[in-house]
Amino acid sequence: MPLFALDQEMIFPPVALAEPDGLLAIGGDLSKERLLLAYRNGIFPWYEGKHILWWSPDPRFVLFPDELKVSKSMRQLIRRETFVFTVNKAFGEVIANCRTIARRGQDGTWITEEVKEAYGRLHKEGYVHSAEAWLNGELVGGLYGVRLGKAFFGESMFSKYSNASKYAFIRYVEQLRSEGVELIDCQVYTEHLESLGARMIPRSEFIQRIAQLGV
């Protein structure tokens, strides 16, 4: 299938036209309008070099908050209150850490300065949120993503201390569930998130669900 090149017009091609790996389009910008339009259509950006690439994988990796799996060891860690959990207290630090943290099997980062600035603007407007784990006053883990309607679109997470990101994720999923969120988009498969209950669903089902959730 062809790779669509975006211009200044605020429109995306149908996600059914994406490549088998989910790649749909290239170009455009990271304006508020385009980013929100992307998420509302089941699409997310990911840089490759200097180019903005837009993706919509099939199947889609998601977590339903009611299916969250918390291991016995993590329950014990949470009860011990090893970490302090916060929301939206250190967004700048969270995305900076997600950008610079070394990841196994990855060379470099997709979080460019342009990405950092774009999501920072959306954070100030209340669309992007961060969750943090602190140890002795130091930020040791966290995540950020986009919240629209009753869905949360996870973007990236980091950990500087064993189980810190897992702790922040679990606590935030529990909070989102209490606030009525019914779907968390994890985008693509990771063993880490699968252990917490995430699973694959068809892209068509994902698109239908986010429409029903007021995204």
N, C-alpha and C. Protein backbone atom coordinates (compact mmCIF):
# COMPACT_ATOMS: atom_id res chain seq x y z
N MET A 1 0.84 -1.19 0.00
CA MET A 1 0.00 0.00 0.00
C MET A 1 0.88 1.25 0.00
N PRO A 2 0.39 2.39 -0.51
CA PRO A 2 1.19 3.61 -0.57
C PRO A 2 1.36 4.22 0.82
N LEU A 3 2.48 4.95 1.02
CA LEU A 3 2.69 5.71 2.23
C LEU A 3 2.20 7.13 1.96
N PHE A 4 1.24 7.58 2.73
CA PHE A 4 0.62 8.88 2.48
C PHE A 4 1.49 10.01 3.04
N ALA A 5 1.67 11.05 2.25
CA ALA A 5 2.42 12.24 2.67
C ALA A 5 1.41 13.31 3.09
N LEU A 6 1.54 13.79 4.31
CA LEU A 6 0.62 14.79 4.83
C LEU A 6 1.09 16.19 4.46
N ASP A 7 0.13 17.09 4.25
CA ASP A 7 0.45 18.49 4.01
C ASP A 7 -0.22 19.32 5.10
N GLN A 8 -0.53 20.56 4.82
CA GLN A 8 -1.10 21.44 5.84
C GLN A 8 -2.56 21.13 6.13
N GLU A 9 -3.22 20.40 5.27
CA GLU A 9 -4.63 20.06 5.50
C GLU A 9 -4.75 19.11 6.68
N MET A 10 -5.70 19.39 7.58
CA MET A 10 -5.89 18.57 8.78
C MET A 10 -6.74 17.35 8.46
N ILE A 11 -6.09 16.34 7.89
CA ILE A 11 -6.80 15.12 7.53
C ILE A 11 -5.82 13.96 7.53
N PHE A 12 -6.31 12.79 7.92
CA PHE A 12 -5.53 11.56 7.85
C PHE A 12 -6.24 10.57 6.93
N PRO A 13 -5.49 9.72 6.24
CA PRO A 13 -6.13 8.67 5.45
C PRO A 13 -6.77 7.64 6.37
N PRO A 14 -7.70 6.85 5.88
CA PRO A 14 -8.31 5.80 6.71
C PRO A 14 -7.26 4.83 7.23
N VAL A 15 -7.37 4.44 8.48
CA VAL A 15 -6.37 3.57 9.09
C VAL A 15 -6.29 2.20 8.41
N ALA A 16 -7.36 1.80 7.75
CA ALA A 16 -7.36 0.52 7.05
C ALA A 16 -6.35 0.48 5.91
N LEU A 17 -5.84 1.65 5.51
CA LEU A 17 -4.86 1.74 4.43
C LEU A 17 -3.43 1.70 4.94
N ALA A 18 -3.23 1.47 6.24
CA ALA A 18 -1.89 1.42 6.80
C ALA A 18 -1.13 0.19 6.30
N GLU A 19 0.21 0.28 6.34
CA GLU A 19 1.05 -0.86 6.01
C GLU A 19 0.82 -1.98 7.03
N PRO A 20 1.25 -3.20 6.73
CA PRO A 20 1.08 -4.31 7.68
C PRO A 20 1.67 -4.03 9.06
N ASP A 21 2.75 -3.23 9.13
CA ASP A 21 3.35 -2.91 10.43
C ASP A 21 2.66 -1.73 11.12
N GLY A 22 1.65 -1.16 10.48
CA GLY A 22 0.90 -0.06 11.06
C GLY A 22 1.27 1.31 10.55
N LEU A 23 2.34 1.43 9.76
CA LEU A 23 2.75 2.73 9.24
C LEU A 23 1.71 3.24 8.25
N LEU A 24 1.24 4.48 8.48
CA LEU A 24 0.14 5.03 7.69
C LEU A 24 0.55 6.24 6.86
N ALA A 25 1.32 7.16 7.48
CA ALA A 25 1.60 8.42 6.79
C ALA A 25 2.91 9.02 7.28
N ILE A 26 3.40 10.01 6.54
CA ILE A 26 4.63 10.71 6.89
C ILE A 26 4.41 12.21 6.73
N GLY A 27 5.08 12.99 7.57
CA GLY A 27 5.03 14.44 7.42
C GLY A 27 4.01 15.10 8.33
N GLY A 28 3.57 16.28 7.91
CA GLY A 28 2.66 17.04 8.76
C GLY A 28 3.41 17.75 9.86
N ASP A 29 2.74 17.93 10.98
CA ASP A 29 3.33 18.64 12.10
C ASP A 29 2.80 18.06 13.40
N LEU A 30 3.26 18.64 14.52
CA LEU A 30 2.80 18.20 15.84
C LEU A 30 1.97 19.29 16.51
N SER A 31 1.15 19.95 15.71
CA SER A 31 0.25 20.96 16.28
C SER A 31 -0.80 20.28 17.15
N LYS A 32 -1.38 21.05 18.04
CA LYS A 32 -2.44 20.53 18.90
C LYS A 32 -3.56 19.91 18.07
N GLU A 33 -3.97 20.60 17.02
CA GLU A 33 -5.10 20.13 16.21
C GLU A 33 -4.79 18.79 15.55
N ARG A 34 -3.57 18.66 15.00
CA ARG A 34 -3.23 17.43 14.30
C ARG A 34 -3.05 16.26 15.29
N LEU A 35 -2.40 16.53 16.42
CA LEU A 35 -2.20 15.47 17.40
C LEU A 35 -3.53 14.94 17.94
N LEU A 36 -4.44 15.84 18.30
CA LEU A 36 -5.72 15.40 18.83
C LEU A 36 -6.54 14.66 17.77
N LEU A 37 -6.46 15.14 16.52
CA LEU A 37 -7.15 14.46 15.43
C LEU A 37 -6.59 13.05 15.26
N ALA A 38 -5.27 12.92 15.38
CA ALA A 38 -4.64 11.60 15.25
C ALA A 38 -5.15 10.64 16.31
N TYR A 39 -5.08 11.05 17.58
CA TYR A 39 -5.52 10.15 18.65
C TYR A 39 -6.99 9.78 18.51
N ARG A 40 -7.81 10.73 18.09
CA ARG A 40 -9.24 10.45 17.94
C ARG A 40 -9.51 9.48 16.80
N ASN A 41 -8.52 9.28 15.93
CA ASN A 41 -8.66 8.34 14.82
C ASN A 41 -7.81 7.09 15.01
N GLY A 42 -7.29 6.89 16.23
CA GLY A 42 -6.52 5.69 16.50
C GLY A 42 -5.11 5.71 15.92
N ILE A 43 -4.54 6.91 15.77
CA ILE A 43 -3.23 7.11 15.15
C ILE A 43 -2.30 7.79 16.15
N PHE A 44 -1.03 7.46 16.11
CA PHE A 44 -0.06 8.16 16.97
C PHE A 44 1.23 8.42 16.20
N PRO A 45 2.00 9.45 16.61
CA PRO A 45 3.24 9.79 15.90
C PRO A 45 4.44 9.07 16.50
N TRP A 46 5.42 8.85 15.65
CA TRP A 46 6.68 8.26 16.09
C TRP A 46 7.75 8.71 15.11
N TYR A 47 8.76 9.37 15.62
CA TYR A 47 9.81 9.89 14.74
C TYR A 47 10.75 8.79 14.26
N GLU A 48 11.26 8.97 13.05
CA GLU A 48 12.37 8.18 12.54
C GLU A 48 13.31 9.17 11.85
N GLY A 49 14.44 9.45 12.48
CA GLY A 49 15.30 10.50 11.98
C GLY A 49 14.61 11.85 12.11
N LYS A 50 14.54 12.59 11.03
CA LYS A 50 13.91 13.92 11.06
C LYS A 50 12.45 13.87 10.64
N HIS A 51 11.96 12.70 10.33
CA HIS A 51 10.62 12.58 9.76
C HIS A 51 9.59 12.15 10.81
N ILE A 52 8.41 12.81 10.78
CA ILE A 52 7.30 12.37 11.62
C ILE A 52 6.57 11.25 10.89
N LEU A 53 6.50 10.11 11.53
CA LEU A 53 5.75 8.98 10.97
C LEU A 53 4.50 8.76 11.81
N TRP A 54 3.40 8.42 11.15
CA TRP A 54 2.11 8.23 11.83
C TRP A 54 1.71 6.77 11.71
N TRP A 55 1.30 6.18 12.84
CA TRP A 55 1.09 4.74 12.94
C TRP A 55 -0.31 4.40 13.47
N SER A 56 -0.80 3.25 13.01
CA SER A 56 -2.03 2.69 13.56
C SER A 56 -1.94 1.18 13.43
N PRO A 57 -1.27 0.52 14.39
CA PRO A 57 -1.02 -0.94 14.29
C PRO A 57 -2.30 -1.77 14.36
N ASP A 58 -2.23 -2.92 13.73
CA ASP A 58 -3.32 -3.90 13.80
C ASP A 58 -2.69 -5.28 13.97
N PRO A 59 -2.93 -5.94 15.11
CA PRO A 59 -3.81 -5.54 16.21
C PRO A 59 -3.20 -4.44 17.08
N ARG A 60 -4.00 -3.96 18.03
CA ARG A 60 -3.59 -2.88 18.93
C ARG A 60 -3.42 -3.45 20.33
N PHE A 61 -2.37 -3.04 21.02
CA PHE A 61 -2.06 -3.52 22.36
C PHE A 61 -2.69 -2.59 23.38
N VAL A 62 -3.61 -3.09 24.18
CA VAL A 62 -4.36 -2.25 25.11
C VAL A 62 -4.48 -2.92 26.48
N LEU A 63 -4.82 -2.09 27.45
CA LEU A 63 -5.14 -2.60 28.79
C LEU A 63 -6.51 -2.08 29.19
N PHE A 64 -7.39 -2.99 29.57
CA PHE A 64 -8.66 -2.61 30.16
C PHE A 64 -8.41 -2.53 31.67
N PRO A 65 -8.65 -1.38 32.28
CA PRO A 65 -8.32 -1.22 33.70
C PRO A 65 -8.84 -2.32 34.61
N ASP A 66 -10.02 -2.86 34.29
CA ASP A 66 -10.57 -3.94 35.12
C ASP A 66 -9.77 -5.23 35.01
N GLU A 67 -8.88 -5.31 34.00
CA GLU A 67 -8.08 -6.51 33.80
C GLU A 67 -6.64 -6.34 34.31
N LEU A 68 -6.38 -5.24 35.00
CA LEU A 68 -5.04 -5.00 35.53
C LEU A 68 -4.60 -6.14 36.44
N LYS A 69 -3.40 -6.65 36.20
CA LYS A 69 -2.83 -7.73 37.01
C LYS A 69 -1.74 -7.16 37.91
N VAL A 70 -1.89 -7.37 39.21
CA VAL A 70 -0.89 -6.90 40.17
C VAL A 70 -0.35 -8.12 40.91
N SER A 71 0.92 -8.38 40.74
CA SER A 71 1.53 -9.56 41.35
C SER A 71 1.58 -9.41 42.87
N LYS A 72 1.75 -10.54 43.53
CA LYS A 72 1.84 -10.55 44.99
C LYS A 72 2.99 -9.67 45.48
N SER A 73 4.13 -9.75 44.78
CA SER A 73 5.28 -8.95 45.19
C SER A 73 5.02 -7.46 45.02
N MET A 74 4.30 -7.09 43.96
CA MET A 74 3.98 -5.67 43.77
C MET A 74 2.96 -5.20 44.78
N ARG A 75 2.02 -6.06 45.15
CA ARG A 75 1.06 -5.68 46.19
C ARG A 75 1.79 -5.42 47.51
N GLN A 76 2.77 -6.24 47.80
CA GLN A 76 3.55 -6.05 49.02
C GLN A 76 4.34 -4.74 48.96
N LEU A 77 4.92 -4.45 47.79
CA LEU A 77 5.68 -3.21 47.62
C LEU A 77 4.78 -2.00 47.81
N ILE A 78 3.57 -2.06 47.25
CA ILE A 78 2.63 -0.96 47.39
C ILE A 78 2.22 -0.77 48.85
N ARG A 79 1.99 -1.88 49.55
CA ARG A 79 1.60 -1.79 50.96
C ARG A 79 2.72 -1.21 51.82
N ARG A 80 3.96 -1.49 51.45
CA ARG A 80 5.11 -0.97 52.22
C ARG A 80 5.32 0.51 51.98
N GLU A 81 4.65 1.06 50.97
CA GLU A 81 4.78 2.48 50.62
C GLU A 81 6.24 2.85 50.38
N THR A 82 6.91 1.98 49.62
CA THR A 82 8.31 2.24 49.27
C THR A 82 8.45 3.53 48.48
N PHE A 83 7.51 3.76 47.57
CA PHE A 83 7.54 4.96 46.73
C PHE A 83 6.41 5.91 47.12
N VAL A 84 6.57 7.16 46.73
CA VAL A 84 5.50 8.16 46.83
C VAL A 84 4.96 8.37 45.42
N PHE A 85 3.65 8.30 45.27
CA PHE A 85 3.00 8.42 43.96
C PHE A 85 2.39 9.81 43.81
N THR A 86 2.61 10.44 42.64
CA THR A 86 2.00 11.73 42.34
C THR A 86 1.53 11.75 40.89
N VAL A 87 0.68 12.70 40.57
CA VAL A 87 0.20 12.91 39.21
C VAL A 87 0.40 14.37 38.83
N ASN A 88 0.99 14.58 37.66
CA ASN A 88 1.19 15.94 37.12
C ASN A 88 2.03 16.84 38.02
N LYS A 89 2.95 16.26 38.75
CA LYS A 89 3.82 17.07 39.60
C LYS A 89 5.17 17.36 38.94
N ALA A 90 5.54 16.55 37.94
CA ALA A 90 6.87 16.72 37.35
C ALA A 90 6.86 16.29 35.89
N PHE A 91 5.90 16.82 35.11
CA PHE A 91 5.80 16.39 33.72
C PHE A 91 7.09 16.62 32.95
N GLY A 92 7.69 17.80 33.09
CA GLY A 92 8.92 18.11 32.38
C GLY A 92 10.02 17.12 32.67
N GLU A 93 10.15 16.75 33.93
CA GLU A 93 11.18 15.78 34.32
C GLU A 93 10.86 14.38 33.79
N VAL A 94 9.59 14.03 33.78
CA VAL A 94 9.20 12.71 33.29
C VAL A 94 9.54 12.56 31.81
N ILE A 95 9.12 13.52 30.98
CA ILE A 95 9.37 13.38 29.55
C ILE A 95 10.86 13.50 29.25
N ALA A 96 11.59 14.29 30.04
CA ALA A 96 13.04 14.39 29.85
C ALA A 96 13.71 13.05 30.15
N ASN A 97 13.25 12.36 31.18
CA ASN A 97 13.81 11.05 31.52
C ASN A 97 13.43 10.00 30.48
N CYS A 98 12.17 10.05 30.01
CA CYS A 98 11.75 9.12 28.96
C CYS A 98 12.61 9.31 27.70
N ARG A 99 13.03 10.54 27.47
CA ARG A 99 13.82 10.87 26.29
C ARG A 99 15.25 10.35 26.40
N THR A 100 15.83 10.37 27.59
CA THR A 100 17.25 10.08 27.73
C THR A 100 17.57 8.70 28.30
N ILE A 101 16.56 8.02 28.86
CA ILE A 101 16.85 6.74 29.51
C ILE A 101 17.29 5.70 28.47
N ALA A 102 18.27 4.92 28.80
CA ALA A 102 18.74 3.87 27.89
C ALA A 102 17.73 2.72 27.89
N ARG A 103 17.43 2.21 26.68
CA ARG A 103 16.46 1.11 26.55
C ARG A 103 17.10 -0.03 25.78
N ARG A 104 16.90 -1.23 26.29
CA ARG A 104 17.45 -2.41 25.66
C ARG A 104 16.87 -2.59 24.26
N GLY A 105 17.75 -2.74 23.28
CA GLY A 105 17.31 -2.97 21.90
C GLY A 105 16.98 -1.71 21.14
N GLN A 106 17.16 -0.53 21.76
CA GLN A 106 16.87 0.72 21.08
C GLN A 106 18.11 1.59 21.00
N ASP A 107 18.34 2.17 19.83
CA ASP A 107 19.46 3.08 19.62
C ASP A 107 18.88 4.48 19.46
N GLY A 108 19.06 5.31 20.46
CA GLY A 108 18.51 6.65 20.38
C GLY A 108 17.08 6.70 20.90
N THR A 109 16.39 7.82 20.60
CA THR A 109 15.03 8.02 21.09
C THR A 109 14.18 8.67 20.03
N TRP A 110 12.89 8.38 20.07
CA TRP A 110 11.96 9.04 19.15
C TRP A 110 11.46 10.36 19.73
N ILE A 111 11.77 10.61 21.02
CA ILE A 111 11.28 11.83 21.67
C ILE A 111 12.25 12.97 21.36
N THR A 112 12.00 13.65 20.26
CA THR A 112 12.83 14.77 19.84
C THR A 112 12.47 16.02 20.65
N GLU A 113 13.22 17.08 20.44
CA GLU A 113 12.91 18.34 21.10
C GLU A 113 11.54 18.84 20.67
N GLU A 114 11.19 18.61 19.40
CA GLU A 114 9.88 19.01 18.89
C GLU A 114 8.77 18.23 19.59
N VAL A 115 8.97 16.94 19.81
CA VAL A 115 8.00 16.12 20.53
C VAL A 115 7.84 16.63 21.96
N LYS A 116 8.96 16.88 22.62
CA LYS A 116 8.94 17.37 24.00
C LYS A 116 8.15 18.67 24.11
N GLU A 117 8.38 19.58 23.18
CA GLU A 117 7.68 20.87 23.21
C GLU A 117 6.20 20.70 22.90
N ALA A 118 5.87 19.85 21.93
CA ALA A 118 4.47 19.66 21.54
C ALA A 118 3.65 19.06 22.67
N TYR A 119 4.18 18.02 23.32
CA TYR A 119 3.44 17.40 24.41
C TYR A 119 3.45 18.28 25.65
N GLY A 120 4.48 19.11 25.78
CA GLY A 120 4.49 20.08 26.87
C GLY A 120 3.36 21.09 26.73
N ARG A 121 3.10 21.52 25.50
CA ARG A 121 1.99 22.44 25.27
C ARG A 121 0.65 21.77 25.58
N LEU A 122 0.51 20.51 25.16
CA LEU A 122 -0.73 19.79 25.44
C LEU A 122 -0.90 19.53 26.94
N HIS A 123 0.22 19.35 27.65
CA HIS A 123 0.15 19.18 29.10
C HIS A 123 -0.41 20.44 29.75
N LYS A 124 0.06 21.59 29.32
CA LYS A 124 -0.41 22.86 29.88
C LYS A 124 -1.89 23.07 29.62
N GLU A 125 -2.40 22.48 28.54
CA GLU A 125 -3.82 22.62 28.21
C GLU A 125 -4.68 21.51 28.80
N GLY A 126 -4.05 20.58 29.52
CA GLY A 126 -4.81 19.56 30.23
C GLY A 126 -5.08 18.28 29.46
N TYR A 127 -4.45 18.11 28.29
CA TYR A 127 -4.65 16.89 27.51
C TYR A 127 -3.63 15.80 27.85
N VAL A 128 -2.43 16.20 28.20
CA VAL A 128 -1.35 15.26 28.50
C VAL A 128 -1.08 15.24 29.99
N HIS A 129 -0.91 14.05 30.54
CA HIS A 129 -0.72 13.89 31.98
C HIS A 129 0.49 13.01 32.26
N SER A 130 1.06 13.24 33.43
CA SER A 130 2.19 12.40 33.87
C SER A 130 1.87 11.80 35.22
N ALA A 131 2.47 10.65 35.47
CA ALA A 131 2.37 9.99 36.78
C ALA A 131 3.80 9.70 37.23
N GLU A 132 4.06 9.91 38.51
CA GLU A 132 5.43 9.84 39.01
C GLU A 132 5.58 8.93 40.22
N ALA A 133 6.76 8.32 40.32
CA ALA A 133 7.15 7.56 41.51
C ALA A 133 8.41 8.20 42.09
N TRP A 134 8.36 8.49 43.40
CA TRP A 134 9.47 9.17 44.06
C TRP A 134 10.04 8.28 45.16
N LEU A 135 11.35 8.36 45.33
CA LEU A 135 12.03 7.64 46.40
C LEU A 135 12.97 8.61 47.10
N ASN A 136 12.68 8.85 48.37
CA ASN A 136 13.50 9.79 49.16
C ASN A 136 13.63 11.15 48.47
N GLY A 137 12.51 11.60 47.89
CA GLY A 137 12.49 12.91 47.26
C GLY A 137 13.04 12.97 45.85
N GLU A 138 13.47 11.83 45.32
CA GLU A 138 14.03 11.78 43.97
C GLU A 138 13.05 11.10 43.02
N LEU A 139 12.88 11.67 41.83
CA LEU A 139 12.03 11.06 40.81
C LEU A 139 12.74 9.84 40.25
N VAL A 140 12.14 8.65 40.45
CA VAL A 140 12.81 7.41 40.04
C VAL A 140 12.03 6.62 38.99
N GLY A 141 10.83 7.07 38.66
CA GLY A 141 10.04 6.37 37.65
C GLY A 141 8.82 7.19 37.28
N GLY A 142 8.28 6.91 36.10
CA GLY A 142 7.08 7.63 35.70
C GLY A 142 6.65 7.32 34.29
N LEU A 143 5.58 7.95 33.88
CA LEU A 143 5.02 7.76 32.54
C LEU A 143 4.21 8.99 32.16
N TYR A 144 3.94 9.12 30.86
CA TYR A 144 3.05 10.20 30.43
C TYR A 144 2.23 9.73 29.24
N GLY A 145 1.14 10.44 29.00
CA GLY A 145 0.28 10.08 27.88
C GLY A 145 -0.86 11.07 27.73
N VAL A 146 -1.72 10.79 26.79
CA VAL A 146 -2.83 11.68 26.42
C VAL A 146 -4.14 11.11 26.94
N ARG A 147 -4.92 11.96 27.58
CA ARG A 147 -6.23 11.51 28.05
C ARG A 147 -7.33 12.25 27.29
N LEU A 148 -8.20 11.46 26.66
CA LEU A 148 -9.35 12.00 25.94
C LEU A 148 -10.56 11.16 26.28
N GLY A 149 -11.62 11.81 26.71
CA GLY A 149 -12.82 11.06 27.08
C GLY A 149 -12.51 10.04 28.16
N LYS A 150 -12.97 8.82 27.95
CA LYS A 150 -12.73 7.75 28.91
C LYS A 150 -11.60 6.83 28.48
N ALA A 151 -10.63 7.41 27.75
CA ALA A 151 -9.48 6.64 27.29
C ALA A 151 -8.19 7.38 27.62
N PHE A 152 -7.14 6.60 27.87
CA PHE A 152 -5.81 7.16 28.11
C PHE A 152 -4.85 6.51 27.12
N PHE A 153 -4.11 7.33 26.39
CA PHE A 153 -3.18 6.86 25.38
C PHE A 153 -1.76 6.99 25.92
N GLY A 154 -1.21 5.88 26.38
CA GLY A 154 0.12 5.90 26.94
C GLY A 154 1.18 6.17 25.88
N GLU A 155 2.17 7.00 26.22
CA GLU A 155 3.21 7.35 25.27
C GLU A 155 4.57 6.77 25.63
N SER A 156 5.02 6.96 26.85
CA SER A 156 6.34 6.45 27.22
C SER A 156 6.44 6.37 28.73
N MET A 157 7.38 5.54 29.21
CA MET A 157 7.62 5.42 30.64
C MET A 157 9.11 5.19 30.88
N PHE A 158 9.55 5.43 32.11
CA PHE A 158 10.96 5.22 32.42
C PHE A 158 11.08 4.74 33.86
N SER A 159 12.21 4.15 34.16
CA SER A 159 12.49 3.70 35.52
C SER A 159 13.98 3.81 35.80
N LYS A 160 14.30 4.38 36.96
CA LYS A 160 15.69 4.46 37.42
C LYS A 160 15.93 3.56 38.62
N TYR A 161 14.87 2.90 39.06
CA TYR A 161 14.95 2.06 40.26
C TYR A 161 14.01 0.89 40.06
N SER A 162 14.41 -0.27 40.51
CA SER A 162 13.64 -1.48 40.28
C SER A 162 12.17 -1.31 40.67
N ASN A 163 11.28 -1.61 39.72
CA ASN A 163 9.82 -1.59 39.91
C ASN A 163 9.21 -0.19 40.00
N ALA A 164 10.01 0.86 39.82
CA ALA A 164 9.47 2.21 39.97
C ALA A 164 8.44 2.54 38.89
N SER A 165 8.74 2.22 37.63
CA SER A 165 7.78 2.53 36.57
C SER A 165 6.54 1.65 36.69
N LYS A 166 6.75 0.40 37.09
CA LYS A 166 5.62 -0.51 37.27
C LYS A 166 4.70 0.00 38.39
N TYR A 167 5.30 0.48 39.45
CA TYR A 167 4.54 1.04 40.57
C TYR A 167 3.72 2.24 40.10
N ALA A 168 4.37 3.18 39.37
CA ALA A 168 3.66 4.36 38.90
C ALA A 168 2.52 3.97 37.96
N PHE A 169 2.77 2.99 37.11
CA PHE A 169 1.74 2.54 36.16
C PHE A 169 0.55 1.94 36.88
N ILE A 170 0.82 1.04 37.81
CA ILE A 170 -0.27 0.39 38.55
C ILE A 170 -1.11 1.42 39.31
N ARG A 171 -0.43 2.30 40.01
CA ARG A 171 -1.16 3.30 40.80
C ARG A 171 -1.98 4.22 39.89
N TYR A 172 -1.42 4.56 38.73
CA TYR A 172 -2.14 5.47 37.84
C TYR A 172 -3.32 4.76 37.18
N VAL A 173 -3.14 3.50 36.81
CA VAL A 173 -4.26 2.76 36.24
C VAL A 173 -5.40 2.67 37.25
N GLU A 174 -5.06 2.43 38.50
CA GLU A 174 -6.09 2.37 39.54
C GLU A 174 -6.80 3.71 39.68
N GLN A 175 -6.06 4.81 39.57
CA GLN A 175 -6.69 6.13 39.66
C GLN A 175 -7.56 6.38 38.44
N LEU A 176 -7.05 6.07 37.25
CA LEU A 176 -7.84 6.27 36.04
C LEU A 176 -9.13 5.47 36.09
N ARG A 177 -9.05 4.24 36.58
CA ARG A 177 -10.25 3.40 36.69
C ARG A 177 -11.27 4.06 37.62
N SER A 178 -10.81 4.62 38.73
CA SER A 178 -11.73 5.29 39.66
C SER A 178 -12.35 6.54 39.05
N GLU A 179 -11.69 7.10 38.02
CA GLU A 179 -12.20 8.30 37.36
C GLU A 179 -13.03 7.97 36.12
N GLY A 180 -13.26 6.69 35.87
CA GLY A 180 -14.14 6.29 34.78
C GLY A 180 -13.46 5.93 33.48
N VAL A 181 -12.12 5.92 33.45
CA VAL A 181 -11.42 5.52 32.23
C VAL A 181 -11.59 4.02 32.01
N GLU A 182 -11.93 3.64 30.78
CA GLU A 182 -12.24 2.24 30.48
C GLU A 182 -11.24 1.57 29.54
N LEU A 183 -10.32 2.35 28.96
CA LEU A 183 -9.37 1.79 28.01
C LEU A 183 -8.05 2.54 28.08
N ILE A 184 -6.95 1.79 28.14
CA ILE A 184 -5.62 2.37 28.11
C ILE A 184 -4.89 1.82 26.89
N ASP A 185 -4.51 2.72 26.01
CA ASP A 185 -3.80 2.33 24.79
C ASP A 185 -2.31 2.16 25.10
N CYS A 186 -1.79 0.97 24.87
CA CYS A 186 -0.36 0.70 25.07
C CYS A 186 0.38 0.64 23.74
N GLN A 187 -0.33 0.88 22.65
CA GLN A 187 0.20 0.98 21.30
C GLN A 187 0.74 -0.35 20.76
N VAL A 188 1.95 -0.74 21.16
CA VAL A 188 2.57 -1.95 20.62
C VAL A 188 3.01 -2.86 21.77
N TYR A 189 3.16 -4.12 21.45
CA TYR A 189 3.42 -5.16 22.46
C TYR A 189 4.73 -4.94 23.22
N THR A 190 4.66 -5.10 24.55
CA THR A 190 5.85 -5.26 25.38
C THR A 190 5.55 -6.36 26.40
N GLU A 191 6.53 -7.15 26.70
CA GLU A 191 6.37 -8.20 27.70
C GLU A 191 6.02 -7.61 29.06
N HIS A 192 6.64 -6.46 29.35
CA HIS A 192 6.43 -5.77 30.63
C HIS A 192 4.95 -5.46 30.85
N LEU A 193 4.29 -4.88 29.83
CA LEU A 193 2.89 -4.51 29.98
C LEU A 193 1.96 -5.71 29.88
N GLU A 194 2.38 -6.72 29.13
CA GLU A 194 1.58 -7.94 29.08
C GLU A 194 1.48 -8.57 30.47
N SER A 195 2.57 -8.49 31.23
CA SER A 195 2.55 -9.06 32.58
C SER A 195 1.59 -8.32 33.50
N LEU A 196 1.23 -7.09 33.10
CA LEU A 196 0.30 -6.28 33.90
C LEU A 196 -1.14 -6.39 33.39
N GLY A 197 -1.35 -7.22 32.36
CA GLY A 197 -2.72 -7.47 31.90
C GLY A 197 -3.05 -6.93 30.52
N ALA A 198 -2.12 -6.26 29.86
CA ALA A 198 -2.40 -5.73 28.52
C ALA A 198 -2.52 -6.87 27.53
N ARG A 199 -3.34 -6.67 26.49
CA ARG A 199 -3.53 -7.71 25.47
C ARG A 199 -3.86 -7.08 24.12
N MET A 200 -3.77 -7.88 23.09
CA MET A 200 -4.06 -7.42 21.74
C MET A 200 -5.55 -7.47 21.44
N ILE A 201 -6.03 -6.45 20.73
CA ILE A 201 -7.38 -6.49 20.18
C ILE A 201 -7.30 -6.02 18.72
N PRO A 202 -8.25 -6.41 17.87
CA PRO A 202 -8.23 -5.95 16.48
C PRO A 202 -8.30 -4.42 16.41
N ARG A 203 -7.63 -3.84 15.43
CA ARG A 203 -7.68 -2.38 15.27
C ARG A 203 -9.11 -1.90 15.09
N SER A 204 -9.90 -2.64 14.36
CA SER A 204 -11.29 -2.23 14.12
C SER A 204 -12.05 -2.11 15.44
N GLU A 205 -11.80 -3.04 16.36
CA GLU A 205 -12.44 -2.98 17.68
C GLU A 205 -11.92 -1.78 18.46
N PHE A 206 -10.61 -1.53 18.37
CA PHE A 206 -10.02 -0.39 19.06
C PHE A 206 -10.65 0.93 18.59
N ILE A 207 -10.78 1.10 17.28
CA ILE A 207 -11.37 2.32 16.72
C ILE A 207 -12.81 2.48 17.19
N GLN A 208 -13.55 1.37 17.19
CA GLN A 208 -14.95 1.41 17.63
C GLN A 208 -15.04 1.79 19.11
N ARG A 209 -14.16 1.21 19.91
CA ARG A 209 -14.22 1.47 21.35
C ARG A 209 -13.88 2.92 21.69
N ILE A 210 -12.84 3.49 21.06
CA ILE A 210 -12.49 4.86 21.43
C ILE A 210 -13.59 5.83 20.99
N ALA A 211 -14.27 5.50 19.91
CA ALA A 211 -15.41 6.35 19.49
C ALA A 211 -16.51 6.30 20.53
N GLN A 212 -16.75 5.12 21.11
CA GLN A 212 -17.79 4.97 22.13
C GLN A 212 -17.41 5.62 23.46
N LEU A 213 -16.11 5.82 23.68
CA LEU A 213 -15.62 6.37 24.94
C LEU A 213 -15.45 7.89 24.91
N GLY A 214 -15.98 8.52 23.88
CA GLY A 214 -15.96 9.98 23.85
C GLY A 214 -14.64 10.58 23.49
N VAL A 215 -13.78 9.79 22.84
CA VAL A 215 -12.49 10.32 22.42
C VAL A 215 -12.70 11.29 21.24
